[in-house]
């Protein structure tokens, strides 16, 4: 998918609409990034409600199908008149030529064992209603009429294609927008006294990309590399600019000798479709050979079992790469409702501690599915140089021009986005000390964290 580079500039003037909540602004930015327009994908993003009345975003008109159920699902969709025809593909080809973009296939592989199906584009239907009928059976409405009764193929066979944002569904994985601090500020948490920590370990960060100029300002980032940060355009820092750079800095403060590479994947308003995200993770396994993958993104889901694409990714890809640890942010909804893929058994999920490192941060998700908590509030680390326009309450005030701040290479930021790389760095440091692989080192640290558990919080890991 072509990345979105159309973020709002940082030099705007005049009053702007004020969103009711940070999530409302994050949702608007994501939907706009997937919308129609020059250089955009024209993907349609809808808002759904899942288990426990949780909100999520998903790609309308698309289903993800396990390979072994594909023939059955195709028969059902043909019966409903929703399986794409040659006419649908021809219309898509003409539209792609007219708009100067790549042609999308209506049926395409995601991973081994998983296919993506785009439903017929000239019919009127509700994607979630169709999903319910395909899995459970029923008579979905197509073109305003109830279809014939169909038998479902069962759950865990077909699913929605969720949008997976850096920003969760409430206050987001970055729980706040970044705040500037003086360029001479020291990182917080600070440098580990173990200067050899992380030696021989590779950490891949799946995020927004990396500011190539940052190592020249922040010596602890020397040697870190990555894809360009999509949200950093010259002197303008768009929403989520610096997210991957800040994360890389946190890892290097805990594991200064670790090899760190930042992949630019979450490039649509700080998000990616889950089908694209698992393909990117698969590429990381095949091309980067990581010991640890750090990912500060996630979502609530329609189904209580989470994201189908990630289950297939674990079953057929991740589980075959011995020792690779997947460390994921628990999200910032201040909720116990599962957040995916952090709630999956194959990940290490990380919540955030408050500024004092005592007690849970007020924004952090929690519950038995969160494995461990680490510092995540008011952290300080490397950030790009440039001007940033704020978008979310309380930084946007009715009737007033948007707040704009200048950043000089350091920032203060909060969220489980940032407690997650601290744990990734601690895992890398333990690997250097013990010779364990990533998965074993992560499991051992979670047990260590349980011994240091805080009441009413859970297992806790702290940097030195």
Protein backbone atom coordinates (compact mmCIF):
# COMPACT_ATOMS: atom_id res chain seq x y z
CA UNK A 1 0.00 0.00 0.00
CA UNK A 2 1.25 3.47 -0.86
CA UNK A 3 1.99 5.52 2.24
CA UNK A 4 0.06 8.67 3.11
CA UNK A 5 2.19 11.80 3.09
CA UNK A 6 -0.63 14.29 3.28
CA UNK A 7 -0.55 15.13 6.98
CA UNK A 8 -1.51 18.62 8.00
CA UNK A 9 1.38 21.09 8.15
CA UNK A 10 2.61 22.68 11.33
CA UNK A 11 2.32 26.29 10.29
CA UNK A 12 -1.47 26.58 10.04
CA UNK A 13 -3.17 29.65 11.45
CA UNK A 14 -6.73 30.45 12.50
CA UNK A 15 -9.22 28.51 14.61
CA UNK A 16 -9.86 24.85 13.84
CA UNK A 17 -12.57 22.38 14.77
CA UNK A 18 -12.06 20.92 18.23
CA UNK A 19 -12.54 17.15 18.57
CA UNK A 20 -14.45 15.96 21.63
CA UNK A 21 -11.76 13.45 22.60
CA UNK A 22 -8.23 12.48 21.53
CA UNK A 23 -9.66 9.28 20.02
CA UNK A 24 -12.11 11.31 17.91
CA UNK A 25 -9.18 13.24 16.43
CA UNK A 26 -7.10 10.09 15.94
CA UNK A 27 -10.03 8.38 14.23
CA UNK A 28 -10.56 11.39 11.93
CA UNK A 29 -6.89 11.45 10.96
CA UNK A 30 -6.87 7.72 10.20
CA UNK A 31 -10.05 7.81 8.13
CA UNK A 32 -8.77 10.83 6.20
CA UNK A 33 -5.49 9.04 5.47
CA UNK A 34 -7.35 6.11 3.90
CA UNK A 35 -9.82 8.33 2.03
CA UNK A 36 -10.05 9.31 -1.61
CA UNK A 37 -7.74 11.95 -3.04
CA UNK A 38 -4.48 12.43 -4.97
CA UNK A 39 -1.95 9.80 -3.93
CA UNK A 40 -4.39 8.15 -1.54
CA UNK A 41 -5.61 4.58 -1.55
CA UNK A 42 -9.41 5.06 -1.61
CA UNK A 43 -9.74 2.33 0.98
CA UNK A 44 -13.03 2.71 2.85
CA UNK A 45 -12.64 2.60 6.62
CA UNK A 46 -15.67 1.96 8.82
CA UNK A 47 -16.25 2.11 12.56
CA UNK A 48 -17.36 -1.10 14.26
CA UNK A 49 -18.32 -2.20 17.76
CA UNK A 50 -16.94 -5.42 19.18
CA UNK A 51 -16.94 -7.42 22.39
CA UNK A 52 -17.65 -5.26 25.43
CA UNK A 53 -18.84 -2.35 23.24
CA UNK A 54 -15.29 -1.55 22.18
CA UNK A 55 -14.82 0.58 19.09
CA UNK A 56 -12.47 -0.36 16.27
CA UNK A 57 -11.80 0.64 12.67
CA UNK A 58 -11.89 -1.81 9.76
CA UNK A 59 -11.70 -1.89 5.97
CA UNK A 60 -15.19 -1.99 4.52
CA UNK A 61 -15.96 -4.47 1.73
CA UNK A 62 -13.10 -6.84 2.65
CA UNK A 63 -12.90 -10.21 4.39
CA UNK A 64 -9.85 -12.19 5.48
CA UNK A 65 -10.29 -15.93 4.87
CA UNK A 66 -8.27 -18.90 6.06
CA UNK A 67 -7.01 -20.83 3.04
CA UNK A 68 -8.70 -24.10 4.07
CA UNK A 69 -12.11 -22.39 4.12
CA UNK A 70 -11.68 -20.37 0.93
CA UNK A 71 -13.71 -22.63 -1.38
CA UNK A 72 -16.64 -22.75 1.07
CA UNK A 73 -16.57 -18.99 1.58
CA UNK A 74 -16.38 -18.38 -2.16
CA UNK A 75 -19.49 -20.52 -2.71
CA UNK A 76 -21.39 -18.53 -0.06
CA UNK A 77 -20.30 -15.19 -1.55
CA UNK A 78 -21.28 -16.34 -5.05
CA UNK A 79 -24.67 -17.31 -3.65
CA UNK A 80 -25.03 -13.82 -2.17
CA UNK A 81 -23.86 -12.16 -5.38
CA UNK A 82 -20.88 -10.67 -3.55
CA UNK A 83 -17.93 -12.64 -4.93
CA UNK A 84 -16.01 -10.32 -7.27
CA UNK A 85 -16.58 -10.86 -10.97
CA UNK A 86 -14.46 -10.20 -14.04
CA UNK A 87 -16.50 -7.03 -14.51
CA UNK A 88 -15.45 -5.86 -11.00
CA UNK A 89 -11.78 -6.40 -11.85
CA UNK A 90 -12.14 -4.62 -15.19
CA UNK A 91 -13.79 -1.63 -13.48
CA UNK A 92 -10.97 -1.53 -10.95
CA UNK A 93 -8.40 -1.62 -13.74
CA UNK A 94 -10.03 1.37 -15.46
CA UNK A 95 -10.23 3.31 -12.17
CA UNK A 96 -6.58 2.59 -11.37
CA UNK A 97 -5.48 3.79 -14.81
CA UNK A 98 -7.56 6.97 -14.50
CA UNK A 99 -6.20 7.77 -11.02
CA UNK A 100 -2.59 6.80 -11.70
CA UNK A 101 -2.38 4.16 -8.97
CA UNK A 102 -1.69 0.45 -8.75
CA UNK A 103 -4.51 -1.91 -9.60
CA UNK A 104 -5.89 -3.84 -6.63
CA UNK A 105 -6.67 -7.52 -6.98
CA UNK A 106 -10.02 -8.65 -5.61
CA UNK A 107 -8.55 -11.90 -4.30
CA UNK A 108 -4.96 -11.88 -3.10
CA UNK A 109 -2.73 -13.81 -0.70
CA UNK A 110 -1.81 -12.18 2.62
CA UNK A 111 0.35 -14.92 4.10
CA UNK A 112 0.62 -18.63 3.51
CA UNK A 113 -2.71 -19.85 4.86
CA UNK A 114 -4.62 -16.55 4.56
CA UNK A 115 -6.34 -14.75 1.67
CA UNK A 116 -7.94 -11.33 1.32
CA UNK A 117 -11.23 -11.09 -0.59
CA UNK A 118 -12.67 -7.78 -1.78
CA UNK A 119 -16.43 -8.07 -2.11
CA UNK A 120 -18.25 -6.95 -5.23
CA UNK A 121 -18.09 -3.17 -5.47
CA UNK A 122 -21.44 -2.58 -7.16
CA UNK A 123 -23.72 -4.07 -4.50
CA UNK A 124 -25.21 -2.55 -1.35
CA UNK A 125 -24.40 -4.50 1.85
CA UNK A 126 -23.00 -4.19 5.37
CA UNK A 127 -19.61 -5.90 5.71
CA UNK A 128 -20.16 -6.95 9.33
CA UNK A 129 -23.61 -8.36 8.55
CA UNK A 130 -22.09 -10.38 5.70
CA UNK A 131 -19.32 -11.63 8.02
CA UNK A 132 -21.91 -12.76 10.58
CA UNK A 133 -23.82 -14.67 7.92
CA UNK A 134 -20.69 -16.29 6.48
CA UNK A 135 -19.53 -17.48 9.91
CA UNK A 136 -22.83 -18.23 11.69
CA UNK A 137 -25.37 -18.56 8.90
CA UNK A 138 -28.32 -16.31 8.22
CA UNK A 139 -29.93 -14.01 5.64
CA UNK A 140 -27.86 -10.83 5.20
CA UNK A 141 -29.35 -7.85 3.41
CA UNK A 142 -27.93 -7.29 -0.09
CA UNK A 143 -29.25 -4.41 -2.20
CA UNK A 144 -31.95 -3.78 0.38
CA UNK A 145 -33.38 -7.32 0.28
CA UNK A 146 -32.83 -10.31 2.55
CA UNK A 147 -30.73 -12.91 0.79
CA UNK A 148 -31.56 -16.60 0.79
CA UNK A 149 -30.71 -18.55 3.95
CA UNK A 150 -27.08 -19.67 4.04
CA UNK A 151 -25.13 -21.96 6.34
CA UNK A 152 -22.06 -20.53 8.04
CA UNK A 153 -18.56 -21.99 7.99
CA UNK A 154 -17.82 -21.24 11.66
CA UNK A 155 -15.70 -18.73 13.53
CA UNK A 156 -11.92 -18.52 13.18
CA UNK A 157 -12.38 -19.04 9.45
CA UNK A 158 -13.29 -15.54 8.24
CA UNK A 159 -12.72 -12.10 9.78
CA UNK A 160 -12.66 -8.36 9.19
CA UNK A 161 -9.51 -6.57 8.08
CA UNK A 162 -8.98 -4.28 11.09
CA UNK A 163 -7.03 -1.04 11.10
CA UNK A 164 -4.18 -1.30 13.62
CA UNK A 165 -3.11 2.17 14.85
CA UNK A 166 -0.24 3.51 16.89
CA UNK A 167 -3.07 5.33 18.57
CA UNK A 168 -5.24 2.79 20.35
CA UNK A 169 -8.94 3.45 20.66
CA UNK A 170 -9.08 5.82 23.60
CA UNK A 171 -6.12 7.95 24.56
CA UNK A 172 -3.97 6.04 22.09
CA UNK A 173 -0.66 4.21 22.32
CA UNK A 174 0.96 7.61 22.62
CA UNK A 175 -1.30 8.71 25.49
CA UNK A 176 -0.36 12.34 24.94
CA UNK A 177 1.06 14.45 22.16
CA UNK A 178 4.80 15.14 22.52
CA UNK A 179 6.04 18.15 24.51
CA UNK A 180 9.29 19.97 23.68
CA UNK A 181 12.14 20.00 26.19
CA UNK A 182 15.52 21.74 25.88
CA UNK A 183 17.94 20.18 23.41
CA UNK A 184 20.47 19.63 26.24
CA UNK A 185 18.00 17.55 28.29
CA UNK A 186 19.16 14.13 29.42
CA UNK A 187 17.06 11.13 28.49
CA UNK A 188 14.71 9.73 31.11
CA UNK A 189 15.09 6.93 32.03
CA UNK A 190 18.79 7.59 31.72
CA UNK A 191 21.71 5.53 30.42
CA UNK A 192 22.29 2.10 31.91
CA UNK A 193 25.64 1.70 33.69
CA UNK A 194 26.10 -1.57 31.76
CA UNK A 195 27.62 -0.14 28.59
CA UNK A 196 27.82 -3.60 26.99
CA UNK A 197 24.12 -4.35 27.37
CA UNK A 198 22.51 -5.57 24.17
CA UNK A 199 25.76 -6.64 22.53
CA UNK A 200 25.05 -9.26 19.87
CA UNK A 201 21.28 -8.67 19.89
CA UNK A 202 19.16 -7.28 17.06
CA UNK A 203 15.93 -5.37 17.79
CA UNK A 204 13.59 -4.40 14.96
CA UNK A 205 11.05 -1.68 15.73
CA UNK A 206 7.88 -1.81 13.61
CA UNK A 207 6.70 1.79 13.62
CA UNK A 208 6.71 5.06 11.63
CA UNK A 209 10.37 5.12 10.58
CA UNK A 210 13.47 6.92 11.87
CA UNK A 211 14.97 10.40 11.76
CA UNK A 212 18.36 9.85 10.10
CA UNK A 213 19.69 13.10 11.60
CA UNK A 214 18.97 12.05 15.19
CA UNK A 215 22.24 10.14 15.82
CA UNK A 216 24.17 13.35 15.12
CA UNK A 217 22.37 15.05 18.02
CA UNK A 218 21.88 12.12 20.41
CA UNK A 219 25.01 10.01 20.73
CA UNK A 220 23.15 7.03 22.21
CA UNK A 221 21.51 6.56 18.79
CA UNK A 222 24.81 6.14 16.97
CA UNK A 223 24.55 3.19 14.59
CA UNK A 224 20.73 3.04 14.65
CA UNK A 225 19.23 2.91 11.18
CA UNK A 226 15.76 2.79 9.71
CA UNK A 227 13.32 3.67 6.99
CA UNK A 228 12.57 7.41 6.64
CA UNK A 229 9.91 8.78 9.00
CA UNK A 230 6.86 9.31 6.80
CA UNK A 231 5.47 12.05 9.09
CA UNK A 232 8.63 14.17 9.00
CA UNK A 233 8.56 16.40 5.92
CA UNK A 234 11.39 18.90 5.93
CA UNK A 235 10.91 21.23 8.88
CA UNK A 236 7.29 20.14 9.34
CA UNK A 237 6.54 17.46 11.93
CA UNK A 238 3.16 15.94 11.19
CA UNK A 239 1.14 13.81 13.59
CA UNK A 240 3.21 10.89 14.99
CA UNK A 241 6.48 12.27 13.62
CA UNK A 242 9.36 11.08 15.77
CA UNK A 243 7.46 8.13 17.27
CA UNK A 244 9.89 5.53 15.95
CA UNK A 245 12.91 7.71 16.74
CA UNK A 246 11.78 8.21 20.35
CA UNK A 247 11.30 4.43 20.72
CA UNK A 248 14.74 3.66 19.31
CA UNK A 249 16.27 6.07 21.83
CA UNK A 250 14.54 4.34 24.75
CA UNK A 251 15.86 0.95 23.62
CA UNK A 252 19.40 2.26 23.27
CA UNK A 253 19.38 3.83 26.76
CA UNK A 254 18.61 0.40 28.23
CA UNK A 255 20.66 -1.68 25.76
CA UNK A 256 23.33 0.64 24.30
CA UNK A 257 25.08 -2.05 22.24
CA UNK A 258 21.95 -3.49 20.64
CA UNK A 259 21.62 -3.35 16.87
CA UNK A 260 18.39 -1.40 16.26
CA UNK A 261 16.52 -0.94 12.98
CA UNK A 262 13.24 1.00 12.70
CA UNK A 263 10.84 -0.13 10.00
CA UNK A 264 8.39 2.42 8.58
CA UNK A 265 5.13 0.46 8.43
CA UNK A 266 2.43 2.43 10.27
CA UNK A 267 2.19 5.10 7.63
CA UNK A 268 -1.53 5.84 7.25
CA UNK A 269 -2.33 8.32 9.99
CA UNK A 270 -0.07 6.27 12.26
CA UNK A 271 -1.79 3.01 11.34
CA UNK A 272 -1.78 0.05 8.97
CA UNK A 273 -4.35 -2.48 7.85
CA UNK A 274 -3.77 -5.73 9.70
CA UNK A 275 -3.24 -7.54 6.37
CA UNK A 276 -0.41 -5.13 5.52
CA UNK A 277 1.00 -5.23 9.05
CA UNK A 278 1.38 -9.02 9.18
CA UNK A 279 3.01 -8.94 5.75
CA UNK A 280 5.48 -6.37 7.09
CA UNK A 281 6.16 -8.55 10.15
CA UNK A 282 6.68 -11.54 7.87
CA UNK A 283 9.20 -9.49 5.88
CA UNK A 284 10.97 -8.57 9.13
CA UNK A 285 11.37 -12.27 9.94
CA UNK A 286 12.55 -13.11 6.42
CA UNK A 287 14.86 -10.16 5.80
CA UNK A 288 15.96 -8.67 9.13
CA UNK A 289 16.50 -11.82 11.25
CA UNK A 290 15.60 -10.14 14.56
CA UNK A 291 15.98 -11.47 18.08
CA UNK A 292 13.29 -9.06 19.30
CA UNK A 293 10.44 -7.25 17.54
CA UNK A 294 9.10 -4.19 19.36
CA UNK A 295 5.69 -2.96 18.17
CA UNK A 296 3.74 -0.15 19.82
CA UNK A 297 0.44 -0.58 17.99
CA UNK A 298 -2.83 -2.43 18.47
CA UNK A 299 -6.60 -2.34 18.43
CA UNK A 300 -9.75 -3.73 19.92
CA UNK A 301 -11.38 -6.27 17.66
CA UNK A 302 -14.79 -7.43 16.47
CA UNK A 303 -14.24 -11.00 17.64
CA UNK A 304 -13.35 -11.85 21.23
CA UNK A 305 -10.47 -14.01 19.98
CA UNK A 306 -8.67 -11.04 18.43
CA UNK A 307 -7.11 -10.62 14.99
CA UNK A 308 -7.29 -13.59 12.59
CA UNK A 309 -4.27 -12.48 10.56
CA UNK A 310 -2.06 -12.44 13.67
CA UNK A 311 -3.23 -15.92 14.70
CA UNK A 312 -2.27 -17.22 11.26
CA UNK A 313 1.01 -15.28 11.44
CA UNK A 314 1.86 -17.00 14.72
CA UNK A 315 0.73 -20.47 13.62
CA UNK A 316 2.53 -20.53 10.29
CA UNK A 317 5.34 -17.97 10.61
CA UNK A 318 6.40 -16.65 14.03
CA UNK A 319 6.27 -20.03 15.81
CA UNK A 320 8.71 -21.42 13.23
CA UNK A 321 11.32 -18.76 14.00
CA UNK A 322 12.83 -20.15 17.18
CA UNK A 323 13.56 -17.65 19.92
CA UNK A 324 12.10 -14.45 18.39
CA UNK A 325 10.27 -12.35 21.02
CA UNK A 326 7.33 -10.17 19.96
CA UNK A 327 6.88 -7.36 22.50
CA UNK A 328 3.73 -5.28 22.09
CA UNK A 329 2.06 -2.26 23.73
CA UNK A 330 -1.01 -2.94 25.86
CA UNK A 331 -2.74 0.30 24.79
CA UNK A 332 -4.02 3.37 26.58
CA UNK A 333 -7.75 3.10 27.08
CA UNK A 334 -7.49 2.74 30.89
CA UNK A 335 -9.47 -0.45 30.33
CA UNK A 336 -9.27 -4.15 31.07
CA UNK A 337 -10.84 -5.04 27.71
CA UNK A 338 -8.38 -7.05 25.59
CA UNK A 339 -6.28 -5.10 23.10
CA UNK A 340 -4.76 -7.00 20.17
CA UNK A 341 -2.24 -8.39 19.40
CA UNK A 342 -1.00 -7.60 22.95
CA UNK A 343 -3.63 -9.93 24.46
CA UNK A 344 -2.48 -12.83 22.26
CA UNK A 345 -0.60 -15.66 24.02
CA UNK A 346 2.32 -15.43 21.58
CA UNK A 347 3.18 -11.82 22.52
CA UNK A 348 4.66 -10.12 25.58
CA UNK A 349 2.22 -7.33 26.45
CA UNK A 350 3.48 -4.23 28.24
CA UNK A 351 1.49 -1.75 30.31
CA UNK A 352 2.75 1.56 31.69
CA UNK A 353 3.75 2.69 35.19
CA UNK A 354 3.11 6.21 36.45
CA UNK A 355 5.76 8.94 36.61
CA UNK A 356 6.92 7.83 40.08
CA UNK A 357 7.29 4.22 38.82
CA UNK A 358 4.84 3.35 41.59
CA UNK A 359 1.35 2.41 40.49
CA UNK A 360 -0.19 2.06 37.07
CA UNK A 361 -0.24 5.08 34.75
CA UNK A 362 -3.81 6.44 34.60
CA UNK A 363 -4.06 5.80 30.87
CA UNK A 364 -2.65 2.25 30.77
CA UNK A 365 -4.76 -0.75 29.92
CA UNK A 366 -4.67 -3.54 32.50
CA UNK A 367 -5.94 -7.02 33.30
CA UNK A 368 -4.72 -10.60 33.35
CA UNK A 369 -3.70 -10.40 29.69
CA UNK A 370 -1.06 -7.71 30.43
CA UNK A 371 2.22 -9.51 31.16
CA UNK A 372 4.32 -6.77 32.71
CA UNK A 373 4.45 -3.02 33.42
CA UNK A 374 7.36 -0.63 32.90
CA UNK A 375 7.85 3.16 33.07
CA UNK A 376 5.73 4.91 30.44
CA UNK A 377 4.73 8.34 31.70
CA UNK A 378 6.65 11.60 31.09
CA UNK A 379 9.63 9.89 29.47
CA UNK A 380 12.27 11.99 27.71
CA UNK A 381 14.23 10.98 24.63
CA UNK A 382 15.34 11.85 21.11
CA UNK A 383 12.95 13.59 18.72
CA UNK A 384 13.26 15.32 15.32
CA UNK A 385 13.93 19.03 14.89
CA UNK A 386 11.02 21.01 13.48
CA UNK A 387 7.62 22.60 14.10
CA UNK A 388 4.66 20.59 15.31
CA UNK A 389 1.00 21.58 15.25
CA UNK A 390 -1.11 20.04 18.00
CA UNK A 391 -4.35 18.25 17.10
CA UNK A 392 -5.88 16.80 20.27
CA UNK A 393 -7.54 18.09 23.43
CA UNK A 394 -6.43 19.73 25.70
CA UNK A 395 -4.01 21.36 23.24
CA UNK A 396 -6.79 22.49 20.90
CA UNK A 397 -9.07 25.17 22.32
CA UNK A 398 -12.36 26.32 20.74
CA UNK A 399 -12.09 29.63 18.90
CA UNK A 400 -8.31 29.78 19.13
CA UNK A 401 -5.58 29.04 16.57
CA UNK A 402 -3.97 25.63 16.99
CA UNK A 403 -0.99 25.41 19.31
CA UNK A 404 2.33 25.15 17.46
CA UNK A 405 5.64 24.33 19.16
CA UNK A 406 9.23 24.15 17.97
CA UNK A 407 11.22 21.01 18.83
CA UNK A 408 15.02 20.96 19.03
CA UNK A 409 15.83 17.26 19.16
CA UNK A 410 14.34 16.11 22.48
CA UNK A 411 10.79 15.57 23.70
CA UNK A 412 8.72 14.40 26.65
CA UNK A 413 6.07 11.78 25.80
CA UNK A 414 3.77 9.28 27.54
CA UNK A 415 2.12 6.01 26.61
CA UNK A 416 2.44 2.24 26.52
CA UNK A 417 4.10 2.96 23.18
CA UNK A 418 7.13 3.85 25.28
CA UNK A 419 7.01 1.36 28.14
CA UNK A 420 7.16 -1.34 25.44
CA UNK A 421 10.67 -0.48 24.10
CA UNK A 422 11.99 -0.30 27.65
CA UNK A 423 11.01 -3.95 28.08
CA UNK A 424 12.47 -4.76 24.66
CA UNK A 425 15.75 -3.17 25.76
CA UNK A 426 15.72 -5.08 29.05
CA UNK A 427 15.21 -8.34 27.14
CA UNK A 428 18.16 -7.46 24.89
CA UNK A 429 20.34 -6.69 27.93
CA UNK A 430 19.43 -10.02 29.54
CA UNK A 431 20.24 -11.88 26.32
CA UNK A 432 23.74 -10.39 26.42
CA UNK A 433 24.22 -11.44 30.05
CA UNK A 434 22.79 -14.97 29.86
CA UNK A 435 23.04 -16.11 26.25
CA UNK A 436 19.33 -16.90 26.20
CA UNK A 437 17.32 -16.36 23.04
CA UNK A 438 14.75 -13.58 22.88
CA UNK A 439 11.74 -15.66 23.79
CA UNK A 440 13.43 -17.35 26.75
CA UNK A 441 14.89 -14.05 28.00
CA UNK A 442 11.48 -12.39 27.80
CA UNK A 443 9.81 -15.24 29.70
CA UNK A 444 12.50 -15.11 32.39
CA UNK A 445 12.09 -11.34 32.78
CA UNK A 446 8.32 -11.66 33.13
CA UNK A 447 8.90 -14.14 35.96
CA UNK A 448 11.40 -11.73 37.50
CA UNK A 449 8.81 -8.98 37.20
CA UNK A 450 6.27 -11.14 39.02
CA UNK A 451 8.66 -11.39 41.96
CA UNK A 452 8.73 -7.57 42.02
CA UNK A 453 4.99 -7.17 41.50
CA UNK A 454 3.28 -4.05 42.82
CA UNK A 455 -0.09 -4.40 44.56
CA UNK A 456 -3.05 -3.58 42.31
CA UNK A 457 -0.67 -3.36 39.33
CA UNK A 458 1.09 -6.63 38.53
CA UNK A 459 4.54 -7.71 37.37
CA UNK A 460 6.97 -4.78 37.12
CA UNK A 461 10.27 -4.32 35.29
CA UNK A 462 12.45 -1.26 35.91
CA UNK A 463 15.56 -0.08 34.08
CA UNK A 464 18.75 0.28 36.11
